[in-house]
Protein backbone atom coordinates (compact mmCIF):
# COMPACT_ATOMS: atom_id res chain seq x y z
CA UNK A 1 38.93 -197.67 103.04
CA UNK A 2 36.83 -194.52 102.66
CA UNK A 3 37.58 -191.22 104.32
CA UNK A 4 35.38 -190.19 107.24
CA UNK A 5 32.25 -188.13 106.62
CA UNK A 6 33.75 -184.87 107.85
CA UNK A 7 36.68 -185.14 105.43
CA UNK A 8 34.53 -186.08 102.43
CA UNK A 9 31.58 -183.72 102.82
CA UNK A 10 31.80 -181.44 105.83
CA UNK A 11 35.33 -180.08 105.26
CA UNK A 12 34.71 -179.00 101.61
CA UNK A 13 31.32 -177.55 102.64
CA UNK A 14 33.01 -175.46 105.35
CA UNK A 15 35.61 -174.20 102.82
CA UNK A 16 32.85 -173.22 100.38
CA UNK A 17 30.85 -171.46 103.10
CA UNK A 18 33.90 -169.53 104.36
CA UNK A 19 34.78 -168.63 100.75
CA UNK A 20 31.29 -167.24 100.17
CA UNK A 21 31.31 -165.35 103.47
CA UNK A 22 34.62 -163.70 102.53
CA UNK A 23 34.12 -163.23 98.76
CA UNK A 24 30.58 -161.82 98.79
CA UNK A 25 31.35 -158.77 100.97
CA UNK A 26 34.60 -158.09 99.09
CA UNK A 27 32.80 -158.25 95.74
CA UNK A 28 29.93 -156.10 97.03
CA UNK A 29 32.26 -153.44 98.40
CA UNK A 30 34.29 -153.40 95.16
CA UNK A 31 31.18 -153.16 93.00
CA UNK A 32 29.63 -150.43 95.18
CA UNK A 33 32.89 -148.46 95.03
CA UNK A 34 33.10 -148.76 91.25
CA UNK A 35 29.48 -147.65 90.78
CA UNK A 36 29.84 -144.66 93.12
CA UNK A 37 33.11 -143.51 91.56
CA UNK A 38 31.80 -143.81 87.99
CA UNK A 39 29.54 -140.77 87.91
CA UNK A 40 30.31 -137.34 86.43
CA UNK A 41 29.47 -135.80 89.81
CA UNK A 42 32.22 -137.87 91.44
CA UNK A 43 34.71 -136.80 88.77
CA UNK A 44 33.74 -133.15 89.37
CA UNK A 45 34.67 -133.35 93.06
CA UNK A 46 38.27 -132.51 92.10
CA UNK A 47 38.69 -128.82 91.32
CA UNK A 48 40.95 -129.76 88.38
CA UNK A 49 38.08 -131.60 86.73
CA UNK A 50 35.36 -129.07 87.60
CA UNK A 51 36.05 -127.11 84.38
CA UNK A 52 35.65 -130.26 82.28
CA UNK A 53 32.46 -131.16 84.14
CA UNK A 54 30.91 -127.71 83.65
CA UNK A 55 31.77 -127.60 79.95
CA UNK A 56 30.49 -131.17 79.50
CA UNK A 57 27.12 -130.14 80.99
CA UNK A 58 26.64 -127.50 78.27
CA UNK A 59 27.76 -129.77 75.41
CA UNK A 60 25.67 -131.80 72.98
CA UNK A 61 26.88 -134.95 74.72
CA UNK A 62 24.41 -133.99 77.46
CA UNK A 63 21.93 -131.70 75.71
CA UNK A 64 20.60 -133.18 72.51
CA UNK A 65 17.27 -133.91 70.87
CA UNK A 66 17.66 -137.64 71.41
CA UNK A 67 17.81 -137.33 75.20
CA UNK A 68 20.98 -139.41 75.41
CA UNK A 69 23.76 -138.51 77.86
CA UNK A 70 27.35 -139.61 77.32
CA UNK A 71 29.21 -139.32 80.60
CA UNK A 72 32.92 -139.27 81.48
CA UNK A 73 33.35 -143.03 81.34
CA UNK A 74 31.80 -143.35 77.88
CA UNK A 75 34.60 -141.33 76.29
CA UNK A 76 37.56 -141.66 78.64
CA UNK A 77 37.44 -145.39 79.50
CA UNK A 78 37.14 -148.64 77.55
CA UNK A 79 33.77 -150.34 77.40
CA UNK A 80 32.78 -151.91 80.76
CA UNK A 81 32.37 -155.35 79.14
CA UNK A 82 36.16 -155.30 78.63
CA UNK A 83 36.43 -155.88 82.35
CA UNK A 84 40.20 -156.00 82.86
CA UNK A 85 40.93 -153.05 80.54
CA UNK A 86 38.10 -151.05 82.13
CA UNK A 87 39.27 -151.58 85.72
CA UNK A 88 42.91 -150.98 84.78
CA UNK A 89 42.13 -147.73 82.92
CA UNK A 90 39.78 -146.51 85.67
CA UNK A 91 42.41 -147.16 88.33
CA UNK A 92 45.20 -145.58 86.27
CA UNK A 93 43.11 -142.44 85.59
CA UNK A 94 42.24 -142.15 89.28
CA UNK A 95 45.83 -142.52 90.46
CA UNK A 96 47.02 -140.04 87.81
CA UNK A 97 44.41 -137.48 88.90
CA UNK A 98 45.37 -137.85 92.56
CA UNK A 99 49.09 -137.42 91.76
CA UNK A 100 48.34 -134.36 89.62
CA UNK A 101 46.20 -132.91 92.40
CA UNK A 102 49.02 -133.08 94.93
CA UNK A 103 52.02 -132.33 92.71
CA UNK A 104 51.00 -129.63 90.21
CA UNK A 105 50.44 -126.04 91.19
CA UNK A 106 48.22 -125.23 88.21
CA UNK A 107 46.24 -127.67 86.10
CA UNK A 108 46.80 -127.08 82.37
CA UNK A 109 43.44 -127.85 80.74
CA UNK A 110 44.68 -127.37 77.18
CA UNK A 111 47.66 -129.70 77.64
CA UNK A 112 45.58 -132.38 79.33
CA UNK A 113 42.89 -132.09 76.65
CA UNK A 114 45.53 -132.73 73.98
CA UNK A 115 46.84 -135.73 75.92
CA UNK A 116 43.30 -137.10 76.18
CA UNK A 117 42.68 -136.59 72.45
CA UNK A 118 45.96 -138.33 71.64
CA UNK A 119 44.83 -141.38 73.60
CA UNK A 120 41.31 -141.64 72.09
CA UNK A 121 40.59 -144.51 69.77
CA UNK A 122 37.67 -144.63 67.34
CA UNK A 123 36.14 -147.56 69.20
CA UNK A 124 35.44 -145.24 72.13
CA UNK A 125 33.24 -143.03 69.93
CA UNK A 126 31.69 -146.00 68.17
CA UNK A 127 30.35 -147.33 71.48
CA UNK A 128 27.56 -144.77 71.08
CA UNK A 129 27.81 -143.65 67.45
CA UNK A 130 27.20 -147.02 65.82
CA UNK A 131 25.01 -145.75 62.98
CA UNK A 132 27.36 -143.22 61.37
CA UNK A 133 27.45 -145.13 58.08
CA UNK A 134 23.72 -144.58 57.61
CA UNK A 135 22.98 -140.86 57.50
CA UNK A 136 20.64 -140.53 54.51
CA UNK A 137 20.12 -136.76 54.91
CA UNK A 138 23.88 -136.12 54.99
CA UNK A 139 25.53 -138.09 52.21
CA UNK A 140 28.85 -136.20 52.53
CA UNK A 141 29.10 -137.02 56.24
CA UNK A 142 28.21 -140.63 55.55
CA UNK A 143 30.98 -140.93 52.94
CA UNK A 144 33.49 -139.14 55.19
CA UNK A 145 32.76 -141.55 58.03
CA UNK A 146 33.10 -144.52 55.68
CA UNK A 147 36.58 -143.32 54.67
CA UNK A 148 37.52 -143.16 58.37
CA UNK A 149 36.09 -146.52 59.41
CA UNK A 150 37.36 -148.34 56.32
CA UNK A 151 40.51 -146.34 55.66
CA UNK A 152 43.16 -147.37 53.21
CA UNK A 153 46.55 -148.10 54.76
CA UNK A 154 48.35 -144.83 55.40
CA UNK A 155 45.13 -142.78 55.41
CA UNK A 156 43.87 -143.70 58.87
CA UNK A 157 42.08 -140.99 60.85
CA UNK A 158 40.56 -140.76 64.28
CA UNK A 159 37.13 -139.34 65.09
CA UNK A 160 38.71 -136.52 67.12
CA UNK A 161 40.74 -135.39 64.12
CA UNK A 162 37.54 -133.81 62.75
CA UNK A 163 35.36 -133.64 65.87
CA UNK A 164 37.67 -131.75 68.25
CA UNK A 165 35.28 -129.17 69.63
CA UNK A 166 32.30 -131.23 70.73
CA UNK A 167 32.94 -131.25 74.46
CA UNK A 168 34.90 -129.28 77.08
CA UNK A 169 34.59 -125.87 75.48
CA UNK A 170 33.35 -123.07 77.72
CA UNK A 171 29.82 -122.01 76.84
CA UNK A 172 27.50 -119.77 78.87
CA UNK A 173 24.38 -121.50 77.53
CA UNK A 174 23.19 -124.96 76.68
CA UNK A 175 23.70 -125.49 72.94
CA UNK A 176 20.94 -127.67 71.56
CA UNK A 177 22.22 -128.50 68.08
CA UNK A 178 18.77 -129.21 66.70
CA UNK A 179 17.86 -125.52 67.20
CA UNK A 180 20.90 -124.20 65.36
CA UNK A 181 20.35 -122.64 61.97
CA UNK A 182 21.05 -125.05 59.14
CA UNK A 183 20.79 -128.20 61.25
CA UNK A 184 19.41 -131.07 59.13
CA UNK A 185 19.73 -134.03 61.49
CA UNK A 186 17.16 -136.14 63.32
């Protein structure tokens, strides 16, 4: 004996339709929220982060001869294709910033910078700087990067061990590195 038409076809079709009607708006709202909250301008809405935003704008991560801009997410969050890690880290950073906003009287930029540097992994820099093993004009830099990326056990280093002052330093002017004296890149 076969089940009636409504149980075989209509009931599953109704479940699928209701699922789509519920899931699509939830997904759209979540995606829209993530996109809107993933911009440097959104990060700068908090007065605690305004200093970091202003110093980022004058850094070479924004102003460079290549025209590339690395924003907050590129350095402070895992790659977006690591979906779970990305959403977890983004949520944790947001909750931490809200708690700090309401609980601390004064935001300690130096302390928080050190905490951020302590948490950075080389993979975060390598998302953008993939070609650091091929710098023909700068053989010393190429060899130094090779010793970091392929370090012997016990000699591991992080990118920020050498590159500490690239971003979030107060500067009254935009510093285009290609116009600095002695620059040999590009």
